[in-house]
Amino acid sequence: MELKNQFMIGIGILVLGILFAFRFKGKNSYKGGKKVAGISYIEEEPYFKKKLLQYKALSYIFVGTLIIALLTSFWLLARPYKTVVTEKENYNRDIILCIDVSASVDNLNMQLVEELKDTVKNLKGERFGIVIFNASAVMLSPLTDDYAYTIDILDQIGKSLETNNSDNFSSDNYLYESNYLLEGTLIGAEERGSSLIGDGLATSVYDFPDLEEERTRIVILSTDNELEGTPIVTLDEAASICKENNVVVYGVGTKEMGDDERAGMEDAVEKTGGSFFMEEESGTVHEIVSRIDKAEKSLIKGKKQVRQVEMVEVPVMILIASVFLMILIAKIIK
């Protein structure tokens, strides 16, 4: 503990010294006035002795309390404080949710997006991003540790999926919500087709900044793996890109996907060191989260923050208690 105004302690000691000097100076000297006769008789009375003893005891307590109050006041004026050094620690792990927004994956995406909200709420320092794709990939949310923002994006995805799978066209935000997952993702569809899974996954890899930096990178990929066009990068090639950049992929396939599509997707994600899951399997998202938690992670030390925290709580409580005690003693003596 340190003091910002150390000189106040010296001033306090000086003030107390002056008060004591005045208190004891000429204490027993007679300064005039009328003397009372027969005082010795009164002093022998038991009642007088009792009251005198009480008065002296209360007087000593009052003086002691006054000294404590004065010392505490000067201690507060000296502004005691302690230096606190804090250092924010974050996990160096990045997670990107990469979802195929073709209509055949809507049911899976609605379930996945809803369940991932709780996962995002429990993250501690990890960065989370969202990429959607069809004919082209679009980043909806860059990697961020602003989890409120991420959950807002997940909510918006959920609303868009719900709107596109309902017959309610009267919503005030119908056009915005229905096109939320379409804008940008259909660019190039006429030339290259749709559901270009490899392109979507490869794009997610290169959305990780500073790939040469040593970090844990994970992609959660949802798709039915039904290719409907000519991709720039195949799913197998995208898996190789992931492996080269130490990106682990956890794939979730739809329950309607065919055996060939399932086998191809399973091979691709396992090639990266990840795992494959099926829609509506018990605890799918929970299992993915569990495996993500087991993934290697280390702490990044943030900038140190030095703060001076004033320690006034105890002195203030002592001062308040002293003042109340003096008021009580003054009432009793009176």
C-alpha atoms as a PDB file:
ATOM      1  CA  MET A   1       0.000   0.000   0.000  1.00  0.00           C
ATOM      2  CA  GLU A   2       1.234   3.502  -0.838  1.00  0.00           C
ATOM      3  CA  LEU A   3       0.190   7.081  -0.074  1.00  0.00           C
ATOM      4  CA  LYS A   4      -0.319   9.791  -2.701  1.00  0.00           C
ATOM      5  CA  ASN A   5      -0.082  12.654  -0.163  1.00  0.00           C
ATOM      6  CA  GLN A   6       2.379  11.420   2.444  1.00  0.00           C
ATOM      7  CA  PHE A   7       2.850  14.935   3.887  1.00  0.00           C
ATOM      8  CA  MET A   8      -0.696  14.767   5.311  1.00  0.00           C
ATOM      9  CA  ILE A   9       0.461  12.225   7.885  1.00  0.00           C
ATOM     10  CA  GLY A  10       3.036  14.712   9.186  1.00  0.00           C
ATOM     11  CA  ILE A  11       0.407  17.459   9.338  1.00  0.00           C
ATOM     12  CA  GLY A  12      -1.901  15.124  11.260  1.00  0.00           C
ATOM     13  CA  ILE A  13       0.766  14.310  13.851  1.00  0.00           C
ATOM     14  CA  LEU A  14       1.524  18.034  14.245  1.00  0.00           C
ATOM     15  CA  VAL A  15      -2.156  18.885  14.775  1.00  0.00           C
ATOM     16  CA  LEU A  16      -2.535  16.159  17.408  1.00  0.00           C
ATOM     17  CA  GLY A  17       0.601  17.399  19.160  1.00  0.00           C
ATOM     18  CA  ILE A  18      -0.782  20.948  19.340  1.00  0.00           C
ATOM     19  CA  LEU A  19      -4.127  19.716  20.680  1.00  0.00           C
ATOM     20  CA  PHE A  20      -2.450  17.707  23.442  1.00  0.00           C
ATOM     21  CA  ALA A  21      -0.228  20.642  24.364  1.00  0.00           C
ATOM     22  CA  PHE A  22      -3.235  22.922  24.828  1.00  0.00           C
ATOM     23  CA  ARG A  23      -5.136  20.212  26.724  1.00  0.00           C
ATOM     24  CA  PHE A  24      -2.544  19.699  29.439  1.00  0.00           C
ATOM     25  CA  LYS A  25      -1.303  23.310  29.718  1.00  0.00           C
ATOM     26  CA  GLY A  26      -2.375  24.771  33.087  1.00  0.00           C
ATOM     27  CA  LYS A  27      -4.867  21.990  33.654  1.00  0.00           C
ATOM     28  CA  ASN A  28      -4.995  22.227  37.481  1.00  0.00           C
ATOM     29  CA  SER A  29      -4.599  26.017  37.889  1.00  0.00           C
ATOM     30  CA  TYR A  30      -7.386  28.057  39.516  1.00  0.00           C
ATOM     31  CA  LYS A  31      -8.658  30.774  37.214  1.00  0.00           C
ATOM     32  CA  GLY A  32     -11.101  32.585  39.473  1.00  0.00           C
ATOM     33  CA  GLY A  33     -14.796  32.314  40.168  1.00  0.00           C
ATOM     34  CA  LYS A  34     -16.759  31.160  43.181  1.00  0.00           C
ATOM     35  CA  LYS A  35     -15.605  28.145  45.136  1.00  0.00           C
ATOM     36  CA  VAL A  36     -18.112  25.613  46.434  1.00  0.00           C
ATOM     37  CA  ALA A  37     -18.020  24.817  50.144  1.00  0.00           C
ATOM     38  CA  GLY A  38     -18.474  21.320  51.513  1.00  0.00           C
ATOM     39  CA  ILE A  39     -17.391  19.596  48.304  1.00  0.00           C
ATOM     40  CA  SER A  40     -15.545  16.918  50.263  1.00  0.00           C
ATOM     41  CA  TYR A  41     -18.861  15.680  51.692  1.00  0.00           C
ATOM     42  CA  ILE A  42     -20.372  15.341  48.214  1.00  0.00           C
ATOM     43  CA  GLU A  43     -17.303  13.529  46.924  1.00  0.00           C
ATOM     44  CA  GLU A  44     -17.809  10.826  49.528  1.00  0.00           C
ATOM     45  CA  GLU A  45     -21.309  10.057  48.316  1.00  0.00           C
ATOM     46  CA  PRO A  46     -21.546   6.655  46.449  1.00  0.00           C
ATOM     47  CA  TYR A  47     -23.838   8.139  43.787  1.00  0.00           C
ATOM     48  CA  PHE A  48     -21.396  10.991  43.088  1.00  0.00           C
ATOM     49  CA  LYS A  49     -18.484   8.581  42.894  1.00  0.00           C
ATOM     50  CA  LYS A  50     -20.409   6.389  40.430  1.00  0.00           C
ATOM     51  CA  LYS A  51     -21.350   9.307  38.193  1.00  0.00           C
ATOM     52  CA  LEU A  52     -17.835  10.758  38.319  1.00  0.00           C
ATOM     53  CA  LEU A  53     -16.354   7.398  37.321  1.00  0.00           C
ATOM     54  CA  GLN A  54     -18.815   7.131  34.424  1.00  0.00           C
ATOM     55  CA  TYR A  55     -17.994  10.684  33.340  1.00  0.00           C
ATOM     56  CA  LYS A  56     -14.244  10.062  33.355  1.00  0.00           C
ATOM     57  CA  ALA A  57     -14.607   6.763  31.490  1.00  0.00           C
ATOM     58  CA  LEU A  58     -16.838   8.340  28.828  1.00  0.00           C
ATOM     59  CA  SER A  59     -14.486  11.330  28.585  1.00  0.00           C
ATOM     60  CA  TYR A  60     -11.503   9.071  27.936  1.00  0.00           C
ATOM     61  CA  ILE A  61     -13.485   7.101  25.378  1.00  0.00           C
ATOM     62  CA  PHE A  62     -14.593  10.341  23.717  1.00  0.00           C
ATOM     63  CA  VAL A  63     -11.029  11.654  23.516  1.00  0.00           C
ATOM     64  CA  GLY A  64      -9.753   8.320  22.195  1.00  0.00           C
ATOM     65  CA  THR A  65     -12.486   8.233  19.576  1.00  0.00           C
ATOM     66  CA  LEU A  66     -11.713  11.820  18.596  1.00  0.00           C
ATOM     67  CA  ILE A  67      -8.051  10.937  18.118  1.00  0.00           C
ATOM     68  CA  ILE A  68      -9.009   7.948  15.964  1.00  0.00           C
ATOM     69  CA  ALA A  69     -11.355  10.122  13.879  1.00  0.00           C
ATOM     70  CA  LEU A  70      -8.641  12.754  13.361  1.00  0.00           C
ATOM     71  CA  LEU A  71      -6.008  10.153  12.441  1.00  0.00           C
ATOM     72  CA  THR A  72      -8.435   8.481  10.038  1.00  0.00           C
ATOM     73  CA  SER A  73      -9.286  11.826   8.436  1.00  0.00           C
ATOM     74  CA  PHE A  74      -5.639  12.625   7.797  1.00  0.00           C
ATOM     75  CA  TRP A  75      -5.123   9.070   6.554  1.00  0.00           C
ATOM     76  CA  LEU A  76      -7.902   9.639   4.004  1.00  0.00           C
ATOM     77  CA  LEU A  77      -6.368  12.982   3.020  1.00  0.00           C
ATOM     78  CA  ALA A  78      -3.116  11.124   2.416  1.00  0.00           C
ATOM     79  CA  ARG A  79      -5.073   9.002  -0.157  1.00  0.00           C
ATOM     80  CA  PRO A  80      -3.875   5.426   0.407  1.00  0.00           C
ATOM     81  CA  TYR A  81      -3.834   3.302  -2.740  1.00  0.00           C
ATOM     82  CA  LYS A  82      -2.492   0.101  -4.196  1.00  0.00           C
ATOM     83  CA  THR A  83      -1.144  -0.532  -7.679  1.00  0.00           C
ATOM     84  CA  VAL A  84      -3.024  -3.250  -9.579  1.00  0.00           C
ATOM     85  CA  VAL A  85      -1.587  -4.786 -12.747  1.00  0.00           C
ATOM     86  CA  THR A  86      -4.068  -6.670 -14.946  1.00  0.00           C
ATOM     87  CA  GLU A  87      -3.345  -8.625 -18.085  1.00  0.00           C
ATOM     88  CA  LYS A  88      -6.117  -9.864 -20.358  1.00  0.00           C
ATOM     89  CA  GLU A  89      -5.712 -13.457 -21.508  1.00  0.00           C
ATOM     90  CA  ASN A  90      -7.354 -14.836 -24.624  1.00  0.00           C
ATOM     91  CA  TYR A  91      -7.334 -18.275 -26.138  1.00  0.00           C
ATOM     92  CA  ASN A  92      -5.555 -18.292 -29.507  1.00  0.00           C
ATOM     93  CA  ARG A  93      -8.250 -20.293 -31.236  1.00  0.00           C
ATOM     94  CA  ASP A  94     -10.276 -19.258 -34.283  1.00  0.00           C
ATOM     95  CA  ILE A  95     -13.566 -20.877 -35.338  1.00  0.00           C
ATOM     96  CA  ILE A  96     -15.441 -20.275 -38.596  1.00  0.00           C
ATOM     97  CA  LEU A  97     -18.956 -21.542 -39.238  1.00  0.00           C
ATOM     98  CA  CYS A  98     -19.156 -22.308 -42.977  1.00  0.00           C
ATOM     99  CA  ILE A  99     -22.697 -23.130 -44.118  1.00  0.00           C
ATOM    100  CA  ASP A 100     -24.100 -24.171 -47.471  1.00  0.00           C
ATOM    101  CA  VAL A 101     -27.172 -21.952 -47.978  1.00  0.00           C
ATOM    102  CA  SER A 102     -28.733 -23.951 -50.814  1.00  0.00           C
ATOM    103  CA  ALA A 103     -32.361 -24.796 -49.974  1.00  0.00           C
ATOM    104  CA  SER A 104     -31.659 -28.489 -49.429  1.00  0.00           C
ATOM    105  CA  VAL A 105     -29.589 -27.664 -46.333  1.00  0.00           C
ATOM    106  CA  ASP A 106     -32.109 -25.287 -44.691  1.00  0.00           C
ATOM    107  CA  ASN A 107     -33.373 -27.728 -42.034  1.00  0.00           C
ATOM    108  CA  LEU A 108     -29.849 -28.620 -40.952  1.00  0.00           C
ATOM    109  CA  ASN A 109     -28.784 -24.974 -40.849  1.00  0.00           C
ATOM    110  CA  MET A 110     -31.783 -23.935 -38.736  1.00  0.00           C
ATOM    111  CA  GLN A 111     -30.926 -26.576 -36.148  1.00  0.00           C
ATOM    112  CA  LEU A 112     -27.194 -25.850 -36.235  1.00  0.00           C
ATOM    113  CA  VAL A 113     -27.532 -22.063 -35.983  1.00  0.00           C
ATOM    114  CA  GLU A 114     -29.927 -22.285 -33.032  1.00  0.00           C
ATOM    115  CA  GLU A 115     -27.752 -24.687 -31.067  1.00  0.00           C
ATOM    116  CA  LEU A 116     -24.550 -22.762 -31.755  1.00  0.00           C
ATOM    117  CA  LYS A 117     -25.869 -19.681 -29.941  1.00  0.00           C
ATOM    118  CA  ASP A 118     -25.257 -21.286 -26.551  1.00  0.00           C
ATOM    119  CA  THR A 119     -21.820 -22.384 -27.720  1.00  0.00           C
ATOM    120  CA  VAL A 120     -20.878 -18.839 -28.684  1.00  0.00           C
ATOM    121  CA  LYS A 121     -22.083 -17.508 -25.303  1.00  0.00           C
ATOM    122  CA  ASN A 122     -19.654 -19.846 -23.523  1.00  0.00           C
ATOM    123  CA  LEU A 123     -16.577 -18.900 -25.538  1.00  0.00           C
ATOM    124  CA  LYS A 124     -13.769 -17.223 -23.615  1.00  0.00           C
ATOM    125  CA  GLY A 125     -11.567 -15.130 -25.844  1.00  0.00           C
ATOM    126  CA  GLU A 126     -11.800 -17.301 -28.961  1.00  0.00           C
ATOM    127  CA  ARG A 127     -12.650 -15.569 -32.219  1.00  0.00           C
ATOM    128  CA  PHE A 128     -15.722 -16.708 -34.151  1.00  0.00           C
ATOM    129  CA  GLY A 129     -16.607 -15.962 -37.780  1.00  0.00           C
ATOM    130  CA  ILE A 130     -19.417 -16.909 -40.195  1.00  0.00           C
ATOM    131  CA  VAL A 131     -19.180 -17.665 -43.937  1.00  0.00           C
ATOM    132  CA  ILE A 132     -22.100 -18.637 -46.180  1.00  0.00           C
ATOM    133  CA  PHE A 133     -21.802 -20.024 -49.689  1.00  0.00           C
ATOM    134  CA  ASN A 134     -23.692 -21.346 -52.680  1.00  0.00           C
ATOM    135  CA  ALA A 135     -22.220 -20.431 -56.060  1.00  0.00           C
ATOM    136  CA  SER A 136     -19.971 -17.916 -54.264  1.00  0.00           C
ATOM    137  CA  ALA A 137     -18.917 -17.440 -50.672  1.00  0.00           C
ATOM    138  CA  VAL A 138     -19.793 -14.408 -48.552  1.00  0.00           C
ATOM    139  CA  MET A 139     -18.353 -13.529 -45.144  1.00  0.00           C
ATOM    140  CA  LEU A 140     -21.248 -12.511 -42.901  1.00  0.00           C
ATOM    141  CA  SER A 141     -19.091 -12.009 -39.842  1.00  0.00           C
ATOM    142  CA  PRO A 142     -15.316 -11.681 -39.703  1.00  0.00           C
ATOM    143  CA  LEU A 143     -13.462 -13.384 -36.888  1.00  0.00           C
ATOM    144  CA  THR A 144     -14.354 -11.518 -33.719  1.00  0.00           C
ATOM    145  CA  ASP A 145     -14.658 -11.989 -29.970  1.00  0.00           C
ATOM    146  CA  ASP A 146     -17.711  -9.708 -29.916  1.00  0.00           C
ATOM    147  CA  TYR A 147     -20.091 -12.544 -29.119  1.00  0.00           C
ATOM    148  CA  ALA A 148     -23.174 -10.327 -28.923  1.00  0.00           C
ATOM    149  CA  TYR A 149     -22.557  -9.329 -32.545  1.00  0.00           C
ATOM    150  CA  THR A 150     -22.000 -12.969 -33.560  1.00  0.00           C
ATOM    151  CA  ILE A 151     -25.246 -14.077 -31.904  1.00  0.00           C
ATOM    152  CA  ASP A 152     -27.064 -11.231 -33.664  1.00  0.00           C
ATOM    153  CA  ILE A 153     -25.814 -12.575 -37.017  1.00  0.00           C
ATOM    154  CA  LEU A 154     -26.893 -16.108 -36.067  1.00  0.00           C
ATOM    155  CA  ASP A 155     -30.337 -14.740 -35.160  1.00  0.00           C
ATOM    156  CA  GLN A 156     -30.562 -13.044 -38.541  1.00  0.00           C
ATOM    157  CA  ILE A 157     -29.605 -16.265 -40.341  1.00  0.00           C
ATOM    158  CA  GLY A 158     -32.289 -18.100 -38.391  1.00  0.00           C
ATOM    159  CA  LYS A 159     -34.933 -15.506 -39.311  1.00  0.00           C
ATOM    160  CA  SER A 160     -33.963 -15.696 -42.984  1.00  0.00           C
ATOM    161  CA  LEU A 161     -34.175 -19.500 -43.012  1.00  0.00           C
ATOM    162  CA  GLU A 162     -37.553 -19.372 -41.258  1.00  0.00           C
ATOM    163  CA  THR A 163     -38.878 -16.782 -43.709  1.00  0.00           C
ATOM    164  CA  ASN A 164     -37.750 -18.771 -46.742  1.00  0.00           C
ATOM    165  CA  ASN A 165     -39.480 -21.878 -45.412  1.00  0.00           C
ATOM    166  CA  SER A 166     -42.806 -20.297 -44.485  1.00  0.00           C
ATOM    167  CA  ASP A 167     -45.869 -19.135 -46.407  1.00  0.00           C
ATOM    168  CA  ASN A 168     -46.060 -15.809 -44.597  1.00  0.00           C
ATOM    169  CA  PHE A 169     -45.398 -13.068 -47.144  1.00  0.00           C
ATOM    170  CA  SER A 170     -46.887 -10.241 -45.081  1.00  0.00           C
ATOM    171  CA  SER A 171     -43.868  -9.584 -42.876  1.00  0.00           C
ATOM    172  CA  ASP A 172     -42.602  -5.995 -43.009  1.00  0.00           C
ATOM    173  CA  ASN A 173     -39.060  -7.334 -43.391  1.00  0.00           C
ATOM    174  CA  TYR A 174     -39.945 -10.130 -45.792  1.00  0.00           C
ATOM    175  CA  LEU A 175     -37.807  -8.955 -48.709  1.00  0.00           C
ATOM    176  CA  TYR A 176     -34.793  -8.265 -46.513  1.00  0.00           C
ATOM    177  CA  GLU A 177     -35.026 -11.547 -44.625  1.00  0.00           C
ATOM    178  CA  SER A 178     -35.762 -13.683 -47.681  1.00  0.00           C
ATOM    179  CA  ASN A 179     -32.782 -12.266 -49.555  1.00  0.00           C
ATOM    180  CA  TYR A 180     -30.400 -12.137 -46.587  1.00  0.00           C
ATOM    181  CA  LEU A 181     -28.753 -15.462 -47.483  1.00  0.00           C
ATOM    182  CA  LEU A 182     -29.065 -15.020 -51.253  1.00  0.00           C
ATOM    183  CA  GLU A 183     -27.345 -11.703 -51.832  1.00  0.00           C
ATOM    184  CA  GLY A 184     -23.815 -12.375 -53.053  1.00  0.00           C
ATOM    185  CA  THR A 185     -24.006 -16.150 -52.810  1.00  0.00           C
ATOM    186  CA  LEU A 186     -25.558 -16.573 -56.283  1.00  0.00           C
ATOM    187  CA  ILE A 187     -22.918 -14.561 -58.130  1.00  0.00           C
ATOM    188  CA  GLY A 188     -21.574 -16.710 -60.963  1.00  0.00           C
ATOM    189  CA  ALA A 189     -24.364 -19.286 -60.661  1.00  0.00           C
ATOM    190  CA  GLU A 190     -25.248 -19.034 -64.359  1.00  0.00           C
ATOM    191  CA  GLU A 191     -21.704 -19.857 -65.421  1.00  0.00           C
ATOM    192  CA  ARG A 192     -20.495 -22.223 -62.692  1.00  0.00           C
ATOM    193  CA  GLY A 193     -23.640 -23.680 -61.120  1.00  0.00           C
ATOM    194  CA  SER A 194     -24.492 -23.900 -57.407  1.00  0.00           C
ATOM    195  CA  SER A 195     -23.586 -25.746 -54.197  1.00  0.00           C
ATOM    196  CA  LEU A 196     -19.869 -25.362 -54.847  1.00  0.00           C
ATOM    197  CA  ILE A 197     -18.764 -26.913 -51.558  1.00  0.00           C
ATOM    198  CA  GLY A 198     -15.028 -26.931 -52.241  1.00  0.00           C
ATOM    199  CA  ASP A 199     -15.038 -23.219 -53.085  1.00  0.00           C
ATOM    200  CA  GLY A 200     -16.919 -22.413 -49.891  1.00  0.00           C
ATOM    201  CA  LEU A 201     -14.527 -24.374 -47.698  1.00  0.00           C
ATOM    202  CA  ALA A 202     -11.420 -23.023 -49.416  1.00  0.00           C
ATOM    203  CA  THR A 203     -12.727 -19.468 -49.029  1.00  0.00           C
ATOM    204  CA  SER A 204     -13.199 -20.058 -45.304  1.00  0.00           C
ATOM    205  CA  VAL A 205      -9.579 -21.152 -44.974  1.00  0.00           C
ATOM    206  CA  TYR A 206      -8.304 -17.950 -46.537  1.00  0.00           C
ATOM    207  CA  ASP A 207     -10.625 -15.897 -44.344  1.00  0.00           C
ATOM    208  CA  PHE A 208      -8.354 -16.834 -41.427  1.00  0.00           C
ATOM    209  CA  PRO A 209      -5.845 -13.975 -41.117  1.00  0.00           C
ATOM    210  CA  ASP A 210      -2.115 -14.623 -40.781  1.00  0.00           C
ATOM    211  CA  LEU A 211      -2.167 -18.305 -41.670  1.00  0.00           C
ATOM    212  CA  GLU A 212       1.548 -18.520 -40.917  1.00  0.00           C
ATOM    213  CA  GLU A 213       0.869 -17.594 -37.284  1.00  0.00           C
ATOM    214  CA  GLU A 214       0.678 -20.512 -34.883  1.00  0.00           C
ATOM    215  CA  ARG A 215      -2.952 -20.722 -33.845  1.00  0.00           C
ATOM    216  CA  THR A 216      -5.665 -23.361 -33.565  1.00  0.00           C
ATOM    217  CA  ARG A 217      -8.051 -22.972 -36.524  1.00  0.00           C
ATOM    218  CA  ILE A 218     -11.347 -24.821 -36.872  1.00  0.00           C
ATOM    219  CA  VAL A 219     -14.095 -24.832 -39.506  1.00  0.00           C
ATOM    220  CA  ILE A 220     -17.610 -26.159 -38.838  1.00  0.00           C
ATOM    221  CA  LEU A 221     -18.955 -27.092 -42.292  1.00  0.00           C
ATOM    222  CA  SER A 222     -22.628 -27.833 -42.939  1.00  0.00           C
ATOM    223  CA  THR A 223     -23.666 -29.138 -46.379  1.00  0.00           C
ATOM    224  CA  ASP A 224     -25.380 -31.998 -48.187  1.00  0.00           C
ATOM    225  CA  ASN A 225     -22.302 -32.310 -50.460  1.00  0.00           C
ATOM    226  CA  GLU A 226     -24.487 -32.338 -53.570  1.00  0.00           C
ATOM    227  CA  LEU A 227     -22.370 -30.559 -56.167  1.00  0.00           C
ATOM    228  CA  GLU A 228     -24.498 -28.782 -58.823  1.00  0.00           C
ATOM    229  CA  GLY A 229     -21.830 -27.121 -60.927  1.00  0.00           C
ATOM    230  CA  THR A 230     -18.158 -26.759 -61.719  1.00  0.00           C
ATOM    231  CA  PRO A 231     -16.132 -25.506 -58.744  1.00  0.00           C
ATOM    232  CA  ILE A 232     -12.773 -23.803 -58.878  1.00  0.00           C
ATOM    233  CA  VAL A 233     -11.655 -26.049 -56.019  1.00  0.00           C
ATOM    234  CA  THR A 234     -13.057 -29.504 -55.320  1.00  0.00           C
ATOM    235  CA  LEU A 235     -13.941 -30.589 -51.785  1.00  0.00           C
ATOM    236  CA  ASP A 236     -10.924 -32.916 -51.714  1.00  0.00           C
ATOM    237  CA  GLU A 237      -8.634 -30.110 -52.873  1.00  0.00           C
ATOM    238  CA  ALA A 238     -10.122 -27.772 -50.270  1.00  0.00           C
ATOM    239  CA  ALA A 239      -9.459 -30.429 -47.621  1.00  0.00           C
ATOM    240  CA  SER A 240      -5.816 -30.544 -48.747  1.00  0.00           C
ATOM    241  CA  ILE A 241      -5.623 -26.749 -48.413  1.00  0.00           C
ATOM    242  CA  CYS A 242      -7.018 -27.069 -44.890  1.00  0.00           C
ATOM    243  CA  LYS A 243      -4.449 -29.717 -43.995  1.00  0.00           C
ATOM    244  CA  GLU A 244      -1.572 -27.644 -45.372  1.00  0.00           C
ATOM    245  CA  ASN A 245      -2.654 -24.692 -43.235  1.00  0.00           C
ATOM    246  CA  ASN A 246      -3.437 -26.741 -40.112  1.00  0.00           C
ATOM    247  CA  VAL A 247      -7.161 -26.055 -40.317  1.00  0.00           C
ATOM    248  CA  VAL A 248      -9.330 -28.784 -38.793  1.00  0.00           C
ATOM    249  CA  VAL A 249     -12.800 -29.304 -40.292  1.00  0.00           C
ATOM    250  CA  TYR A 250     -15.841 -30.707 -38.486  1.00  0.00           C
ATOM    251  CA  GLY A 251     -18.475 -31.587 -41.079  1.00  0.00           C
ATOM    252  CA  VAL A 252     -22.226 -31.933 -40.541  1.00  0.00           C
ATOM    253  CA  GLY A 253     -24.217 -33.555 -43.347  1.00  0.00           C
ATOM    254  CA  THR A 254     -27.957 -33.649 -43.978  1.00  0.00           C
ATOM    255  CA  LYS A 255     -29.943 -36.770 -43.233  1.00  0.00           C
ATOM    256  CA  GLU A 256     -31.073 -36.937 -46.896  1.00  0.00           C
ATOM    257  CA  MET A 257     -27.559 -37.010 -48.396  1.00  0.00           C
ATOM    258  CA  GLY A 258     -26.649 -40.043 -50.461  1.00  0.00           C
ATOM    259  CA  ASP A 259     -24.028 -42.628 -49.572  1.00  0.00           C
ATOM    260  CA  ASP A 260     -21.504 -41.312 -52.110  1.00  0.00           C
ATOM    261  CA  GLU A 261     -21.893 -37.743 -50.901  1.00  0.00           C
ATOM    262  CA  ARG A 262     -21.549 -38.857 -47.299  1.00  0.00           C
ATOM    263  CA  ALA A 263     -18.446 -40.944 -48.000  1.00  0.00           C
ATOM    264  CA  GLY A 264     -16.822 -38.106 -49.938  1.00  0.00           C
ATOM    265  CA  MET A 265     -17.490 -35.554 -47.219  1.00  0.00           C
ATOM    266  CA  GLU A 266     -16.396 -37.923 -44.464  1.00  0.00           C
ATOM    267  CA  ASP A 267     -13.086 -38.622 -46.234  1.00  0.00           C
ATOM    268  CA  ALA A 268     -12.489 -34.910 -46.778  1.00  0.00           C
ATOM    269  CA  VAL A 269     -13.034 -33.780 -43.176  1.00  0.00           C
ATOM    270  CA  GLU A 270     -11.102 -36.692 -41.710  1.00  0.00           C
ATOM    271  CA  LYS A 271      -8.224 -35.775 -44.015  1.00  0.00           C
ATOM    272  CA  THR A 272      -7.955 -32.494 -42.060  1.00  0.00           C
ATOM    273  CA  GLY A 273      -7.947 -34.275 -38.711  1.00  0.00           C
ATOM    274  CA  GLY A 274     -11.605 -33.494 -38.055  1.00  0.00           C
ATOM    275  CA  SER A 275     -14.748 -35.602 -37.804  1.00  0.00           C
ATOM    276  CA  PHE A 276     -18.007 -36.089 -39.705  1.00  0.00           C
ATOM    277  CA  PHE A 277     -21.490 -35.941 -38.169  1.00  0.00           C
ATOM    278  CA  MET A 278     -25.019 -36.421 -39.466  1.00  0.00           C
ATOM    279  CA  GLU A 279     -28.028 -34.165 -38.988  1.00  0.00           C
ATOM    280  CA  GLU A 280     -30.274 -35.137 -36.062  1.00  0.00           C
ATOM    281  CA  GLU A 281     -27.713 -37.486 -34.580  1.00  0.00           C
ATOM    282  CA  SER A 282     -28.039 -37.287 -30.830  1.00  0.00           C
ATOM    283  CA  GLY A 283     -25.807 -34.576 -29.399  1.00  0.00           C
ATOM    284  CA  THR A 284     -24.242 -33.600 -32.725  1.00  0.00           C
ATOM    285  CA  VAL A 285     -23.476 -29.996 -31.844  1.00  0.00           C
ATOM    286  CA  HIS A 286     -22.560 -30.943 -28.273  1.00  0.00           C
ATOM    287  CA  GLU A 287     -20.069 -33.510 -29.594  1.00  0.00           C
ATOM    288  CA  ILE A 288     -18.562 -30.984 -32.008  1.00  0.00           C
ATOM    289  CA  VAL A 289     -18.178 -28.449 -29.192  1.00  0.00           C
ATOM    290  CA  SER A 290     -16.655 -31.107 -26.951  1.00  0.00           C
ATOM    291  CA  ARG A 291     -14.054 -31.940 -29.587  1.00  0.00           C
ATOM    292  CA  ILE A 292     -13.347 -28.276 -30.210  1.00  0.00           C
ATOM    293  CA  ASP A 293     -12.748 -27.820 -26.480  1.00  0.00           C
ATOM    294  CA  LYS A 294     -10.271 -30.683 -26.545  1.00  0.00           C
ATOM    295  CA  ALA A 295      -8.391 -29.090 -29.435  1.00  0.00           C
ATOM    296  CA  GLU A 296      -5.045 -27.671 -28.462  1.00  0.00           C
ATOM    297  CA  LYS A 297      -5.162 -24.094 -27.343  1.00  0.00           C
ATOM    298  CA  SER A 298      -2.788 -21.759 -25.611  1.00  0.00           C
ATOM    299  CA  LEU A 299      -3.176 -18.374 -24.012  1.00  0.00           C
ATOM    300  CA  ILE A 300      -2.293 -15.081 -25.636  1.00  0.00           C
ATOM    301  CA  LYS A 301      -1.111 -12.481 -23.178  1.00  0.00           C
ATOM    302  CA  GLY A 302      -2.772  -9.151 -23.757  1.00  0.00           C
ATOM    303  CA  LYS A 303      -1.458  -5.700 -22.902  1.00  0.00           C
ATOM    304  CA  LYS A 304      -0.755  -5.048 -19.241  1.00  0.00           C
ATOM    305  CA  GLN A 305      -2.930  -2.407 -17.640  1.00  0.00           C
ATOM    306  CA  VAL A 306      -1.619  -0.618 -14.545  1.00  0.00           C
ATOM    307  CA  ARG A 307      -4.255   0.988 -12.326  1.00  0.00           C
ATOM    308  CA  GLN A 308      -4.106   2.802  -9.018  1.00  0.00           C
ATOM    309  CA  VAL A 309      -6.968   1.649  -6.797  1.00  0.00           C
ATOM    310  CA  GLU A 310      -7.629   3.896  -3.802  1.00  0.00           C
ATOM    311  CA  MET A 311      -8.165   1.989  -0.551  1.00  0.00           C
ATOM    312  CA  VAL A 312     -10.705   4.152   1.265  1.00  0.00           C
ATOM    313  CA  GLU A 313     -13.406   1.693   2.269  1.00  0.00           C
ATOM    314  CA  VAL A 314     -12.007   0.711   5.696  1.00  0.00           C
ATOM    315  CA  PRO A 315     -10.916   4.253   6.748  1.00  0.00           C
ATOM    316  CA  VAL A 316     -14.317   5.661   5.775  1.00  0.00           C
ATOM    317  CA  MET A 317     -16.104   2.990   7.821  1.00  0.00           C
ATOM    318  CA  ILE A 318     -13.855   3.733  10.825  1.00  0.00           C
ATOM    319  CA  LEU A 319     -14.479   7.478  10.478  1.00  0.00           C
ATOM    320  CA  ILE A 320     -18.260   7.042  10.268  1.00  0.00           C
ATOM    321  CA  ALA A 321     -18.260   4.703  13.288  1.00  0.00           C
ATOM    322  CA  SER A 322     -16.114   7.191  15.265  1.00  0.00           C
ATOM    323  CA  VAL A 323     -18.456  10.107  14.530  1.00  0.00           C
ATOM    324  CA  PHE A 324     -21.524   8.091  15.576  1.00  0.00           C
ATOM    325  CA  LEU A 325     -19.780   6.990  18.774  1.00  0.00           C
ATOM    326  CA  MET A 326     -18.834  10.576  19.688  1.00  0.00           C
ATOM    327  CA  ILE A 327     -22.412  11.745  19.108  1.00  0.00           C
ATOM    328  CA  LEU A 328     -23.702   8.938  21.349  1.00  0.00           C
ATOM    329  CA  ILE A 329     -21.193   9.746  24.134  1.00  0.00           C
ATOM    330  CA  ALA A 330     -22.050  13.476  23.947  1.00  0.00           C
ATOM    331  CA  LYS A 331     -25.750  12.638  24.430  1.00  0.00           C
ATOM    332  CA  ILE A 332     -24.994  10.390  27.425  1.00  0.00           C
ATOM    333  CA  ILE A 333     -22.723  12.956  29.102  1.00  0.00           C
ATOM    334  CA  LYS A 334     -25.282  15.686  28.537  1.00  0.00           C
END
